[in-house]
Protein backbone atom coordinates (compact mmCIF):
# COMPACT_ATOMS: atom_id res chain seq x y z
CA MET A 1 122.93 160.11 73.56
CA ILE A 2 121.30 163.04 71.80
CA ASN A 3 122.97 162.12 68.28
CA ARG A 4 121.87 158.58 68.79
CA LEU A 5 118.27 159.73 69.21
CA ALA A 6 118.48 161.86 66.15
CA THR A 7 119.89 158.85 64.18
CA MET A 8 117.18 156.55 65.38
CA LEU A 9 114.46 158.98 64.26
CA HIS A 10 116.13 159.34 60.87
CA ASN A 11 116.21 155.62 60.47
CA PHE A 12 112.62 155.40 61.55
CA CYS A 13 111.75 157.76 58.67
CA SER A 14 113.76 155.69 56.23
CA MET A 15 112.09 152.44 57.26
CA TYR A 16 108.58 154.00 56.63
CA TYR A 17 109.55 155.19 53.12
CA VAL A 18 110.06 158.85 53.84
CA PRO A 19 113.85 159.04 53.55
CA ASP A 20 113.84 162.72 52.47
CA LEU A 21 112.58 163.67 56.03
CA LYS A 22 115.40 164.95 58.07
CA PRO A 23 114.93 165.28 61.84
CA ARG A 24 116.41 168.23 63.61
CA LEU A 25 117.09 167.84 67.38
CA VAL A 26 117.02 171.03 69.42
CA TYR A 27 118.16 170.52 72.90
CA LEU A 28 117.32 173.28 75.26
CA LEU A 29 118.89 173.55 78.81
CA ASP A 30 116.63 175.58 80.90
CA HIS A 31 118.37 178.08 83.27
CA ASN A 32 116.96 176.11 86.23
CA MET A 33 118.28 172.75 84.97
CA LEU A 34 121.34 173.03 87.34
CA THR A 35 118.99 172.92 90.24
CA GLY A 36 116.99 169.91 88.75
CA TYR A 37 114.06 171.64 87.14
CA LYS A 38 113.48 170.58 83.60
CA GLN A 39 114.99 169.78 80.12
CA ILE A 40 113.43 169.99 76.80
CA PHE A 41 113.93 167.85 73.73
CA ALA A 42 112.40 169.23 70.54
CA PHE A 43 112.43 166.97 67.43
CA GLU A 44 111.38 168.68 64.16
CA PHE A 45 110.81 166.89 60.95
CA LYS A 46 110.80 169.08 57.90
CA LYS A 47 110.35 168.12 54.32
CA CYS A 48 113.17 168.35 51.69
CA ASP A 49 112.13 169.75 48.34
CA SER A 50 111.37 166.32 46.89
CA VAL A 51 108.69 165.78 49.54
CA ASP A 52 105.04 166.87 49.15
CA SER A 53 104.42 169.46 51.89
CA THR A 54 100.73 168.49 52.00
CA LYS A 55 101.66 164.96 53.01
CA PHE A 56 104.52 165.12 55.39
CA TYR A 57 105.29 167.77 58.14
CA TRP A 58 105.88 166.80 61.67
CA SER A 59 106.80 168.94 64.53
CA ILE A 60 107.25 167.03 67.54
CA TYR A 61 108.06 168.65 70.95
CA LEU A 62 108.58 166.67 74.28
CA ILE A 63 109.25 168.52 77.44
CA LEU A 64 110.65 166.33 80.17
CA PHE A 65 110.50 167.69 83.67
CA LYS A 66 113.17 166.53 86.10
CA LYS A 67 110.67 165.98 88.84
CA ALA A 68 106.83 165.51 89.15
CA GLY A 69 104.71 167.95 90.81
CA LYS A 70 102.96 171.37 90.93
CA ASN A 71 106.22 173.42 90.20
CA ASN A 72 105.76 172.60 86.51
CA THR A 73 102.17 173.97 86.24
CA ASP A 74 102.88 177.18 84.37
CA ASP A 75 105.30 175.40 82.00
CA VAL A 76 102.61 172.81 81.25
CA LEU A 77 100.00 175.44 80.50
CA ASN A 78 102.39 177.44 78.19
CA CYS A 79 103.24 174.27 76.37
CA VAL A 80 99.42 173.69 75.96
CA LYS A 81 98.97 177.27 74.64
CA ASP A 82 101.92 176.86 72.04
CA LYS A 83 100.84 173.44 70.91
CA GLY A 84 97.00 174.28 70.95
CA ASN A 85 97.69 177.29 68.73
CA GLU A 86 99.90 175.30 66.39
CA LEU A 87 97.30 172.41 66.07
CA GLY A 88 94.24 174.53 66.17
CA ILE A 89 93.00 172.64 69.30
CA LYS A 90 91.23 175.03 71.68
CA THR A 91 89.66 172.52 74.04
CA LEU A 92 91.55 171.82 77.18
CA VAL A 93 90.39 169.31 80.06
CA LEU A 94 92.36 169.44 83.25
CA ALA A 95 92.09 168.13 86.84
CA THR A 96 91.92 170.55 89.66
CA THR A 97 91.59 169.90 93.36
CA ASN A 98 91.11 173.33 94.87
CA GLY A 99 90.68 175.32 91.75
CA VAL A 100 94.29 176.89 91.58
CA THR A 101 95.36 175.09 88.56
CA ALA A 102 92.08 175.76 86.78
CA GLN A 103 92.23 179.50 87.60
CA ARG A 104 95.82 179.68 86.30
CA ALA A 105 94.72 177.91 83.13
CA ALA A 106 91.97 180.55 82.76
CA GLU A 107 94.52 183.28 82.97
CA ILE A 108 97.04 181.84 80.62
CA LEU A 109 94.63 180.18 78.03
CA ASP A 110 91.91 182.88 77.94
CA ASP A 111 90.84 181.86 74.41
CA PHE A 112 90.51 178.22 75.24
CA ASN A 113 87.41 176.23 76.06
CA ILE A 114 88.42 174.85 79.44
CA VAL A 115 86.83 172.00 81.36
CA ALA A 116 87.94 171.62 85.03
CA VAL A 117 87.41 168.28 86.59
CA THR A 118 87.32 168.13 90.44
CA HIS A 119 87.66 165.36 92.91
CA TYR A 120 84.43 163.66 93.66
CA THR A 121 82.60 164.81 96.78
CA GLY A 122 83.55 162.61 99.80
CA LEU A 123 86.96 161.57 98.60
CA THR A 124 88.91 162.83 101.57
CA LYS A 125 86.07 162.83 104.13
CA PRO A 126 82.16 162.26 104.07
CA ASN A 127 80.20 165.03 102.35
CA PHE A 128 83.15 167.21 101.75
CA GLN A 129 84.18 168.81 98.40
CA GLU A 130 87.70 170.14 98.14
CA LEU A 131 86.76 172.89 95.59
CA SER A 132 85.02 175.59 97.66
CA GLU A 133 81.79 176.97 96.31
CA SER A 134 83.25 180.58 96.12
CA LYS A 135 86.09 179.26 93.91
CA ARG A 136 83.73 177.19 91.68
CA LYS A 137 81.82 180.52 91.12
CA GLN A 138 85.08 182.32 90.39
CA LEU A 139 86.02 179.69 87.83
CA GLU A 140 82.63 179.80 86.04
CA ALA A 141 82.72 183.53 86.02
CA SER A 142 86.07 183.12 84.06
CA ASN A 143 84.14 180.88 81.57
CA VAL A 144 85.60 177.57 82.96
CA LYS A 145 83.13 174.61 82.90
CA VAL A 146 83.39 172.81 86.33
CA LEU A 147 82.63 169.05 86.48
CA THR A 148 82.24 167.03 89.74
CA SER A 149 81.36 163.32 89.29
CA SER A 150 82.53 159.83 90.09
CA HIS A 151 86.07 159.05 88.83
CA THR A 152 86.23 156.73 85.94
CA PHE A 153 89.10 154.61 87.40
CA CYS A 154 87.82 154.87 90.92
CA GLY A 155 84.09 153.93 91.11
CA ILE A 156 82.40 150.82 92.20
CA GLY A 157 85.67 148.83 91.81
CA ARG A 158 87.22 150.66 94.66
CA ALA A 159 84.26 149.73 96.88
CA VAL A 160 84.97 146.03 95.94
CA ARG A 161 88.61 146.38 96.81
CA LEU A 162 88.03 147.99 100.09
CA ARG A 163 85.41 145.27 101.03
CA PHE A 164 86.97 142.21 99.56
CA ASN A 165 90.63 143.30 99.25
CA THR A 166 90.83 142.59 95.53
CA TYR A 167 91.34 144.92 92.60
CA GLN A 168 88.86 145.35 89.83
CA VAL A 169 89.38 146.19 86.21
CA ASP A 170 88.89 150.04 86.55
CA GLU A 171 91.67 150.41 89.15
CA ILE A 172 93.86 148.00 87.17
CA ILE A 173 93.67 150.17 84.14
CA GLY A 174 94.40 153.34 86.27
CA GLU A 175 97.44 151.69 87.86
CA THR A 176 98.72 150.63 84.39
CA LEU A 177 98.45 154.22 83.05
CA LYS A 178 100.46 155.29 86.05
CA LEU A 179 103.48 153.48 84.44
CA PHE A 180 103.78 156.67 82.50
CA GLY A 181 103.28 158.78 85.62
CA ALA A 182 100.17 159.76 87.75
CA GLY A 183 99.68 162.78 85.43
CA THR A 184 99.04 160.47 82.46
CA LYS A 185 96.52 158.49 84.23
CA VAL A 186 94.69 161.62 85.45
CA ALA A 187 94.70 163.16 81.89
CA VAL A 188 93.10 160.14 80.38
CA GLU A 189 90.57 159.82 83.21
CA VAL A 190 89.41 163.53 83.19
CA SER A 191 88.91 163.30 79.33
CA LEU A 192 86.50 160.26 79.74
CA MET A 193 84.67 161.99 82.59
CA ALA A 194 84.23 165.24 80.58
CA ALA A 195 83.09 163.29 77.43
CA ASP A 196 80.54 161.37 79.49
CA ALA A 197 79.25 164.51 80.96
CA GLY A 198 78.85 166.02 77.39
CA LEU A 199 81.33 168.87 77.99
CA ILE A 200 83.53 167.80 75.07
CA ASN A 201 82.88 166.23 71.74
CA THR A 202 83.87 162.66 71.20
CA GLY A 203 85.87 161.82 68.08
CA GLU A 204 87.64 165.21 68.33
CA SER A 205 91.28 165.92 69.44
CA VAL A 206 91.59 167.61 72.71
CA ILE A 207 94.37 168.46 75.13
CA CYS A 208 94.14 166.99 78.55
CA VAL A 209 96.23 167.92 81.58
CA GLY A 210 96.93 165.99 84.81
CA GLY A 211 99.31 166.17 87.68
CA THR A 212 100.86 164.45 90.61
CA GLY A 213 99.10 165.19 93.68
CA THR A 214 98.34 168.99 93.06
CA GLY A 215 99.27 171.12 90.06
CA ALA A 216 100.06 170.01 86.60
CA ASP A 217 103.03 168.07 85.16
CA THR A 218 101.61 166.22 82.11
CA ALA A 219 99.73 167.13 78.91
CA LEU A 220 98.46 164.84 76.26
CA VAL A 221 96.86 165.45 72.88
CA LEU A 222 94.25 162.65 72.46
CA ARG A 223 91.15 161.62 70.66
CA ALA A 224 88.15 161.93 73.09
CA VAL A 225 85.79 159.01 73.65
CA ASN A 226 83.15 157.95 76.05
CA THR A 227 84.11 155.55 78.74
CA LEU A 228 82.21 152.66 76.98
CA ASP A 229 84.52 153.25 74.05
CA PHE A 230 87.75 153.35 76.08
CA PHE A 231 89.71 151.08 73.82
CA LYS A 232 89.05 153.59 70.91
CA LEU A 233 90.74 156.43 72.80
CA LYS A 234 93.94 157.41 71.05
CA ILE A 235 96.83 159.32 72.64
CA ARG A 236 98.30 161.36 69.77
CA GLU A 237 101.12 163.23 71.41
CA ILE A 238 102.69 163.46 74.71
CA LEU A 239 103.52 167.06 75.13
CA CYS A 240 105.17 166.92 78.48
CA LYS A 241 105.64 164.68 81.51
CA PRO A 242 107.96 164.23 84.31
CA MET A 243 111.06 161.92 84.07
CA LEU A 244 111.06 161.18 87.85
CA TYR A 245 107.76 160.11 89.59
């Protein structure tokens, strides 16, 4: 299967008139793979002498976790660190429920501009915020910007569903993004929320992290936009995601 993937990528290069680009597939088997942890596929495209280095160089890494969930959090954040340094992207937007993921990000990514997006107040019960005030202050002391607001894909449309038992466009978009896993939906959603709050610049590439339940298992490089420009949002790269979700 691995050889077929490399062949497909080489054929893709040839189709788009860059025949001198030769993909190299690195397959890394993590020491925990035998217990069902993760596997890493890394495709590298490097130029041959006949290709202008200013035009063609791609380094594509995709980490596939065996299962979704918070056990992948540190691997996701280390992936963000490596890719952020490679691309020169130092803005990270991530989802956090009780602040644990955001605090871990602050520890690993101490030179990043980090925006942590919480659940909205009242999600689990009336007038209750899952991120404690003490944890919020701890994050802010670590230079993490904390955002609490309505969720882009869970706003007035959810009220309509709960009242009239019919889905609206915001939740339909959210459920569609979940075809790639809950973490993908969350990563896209928090980017929109952060942009609308003015905490990241639209039109720029940022790294966004989401998870399934708690923790992190998905990271994307995307072009940030406001919610009203949703269809101009571009997912540039999928850095990591779970295979089973």
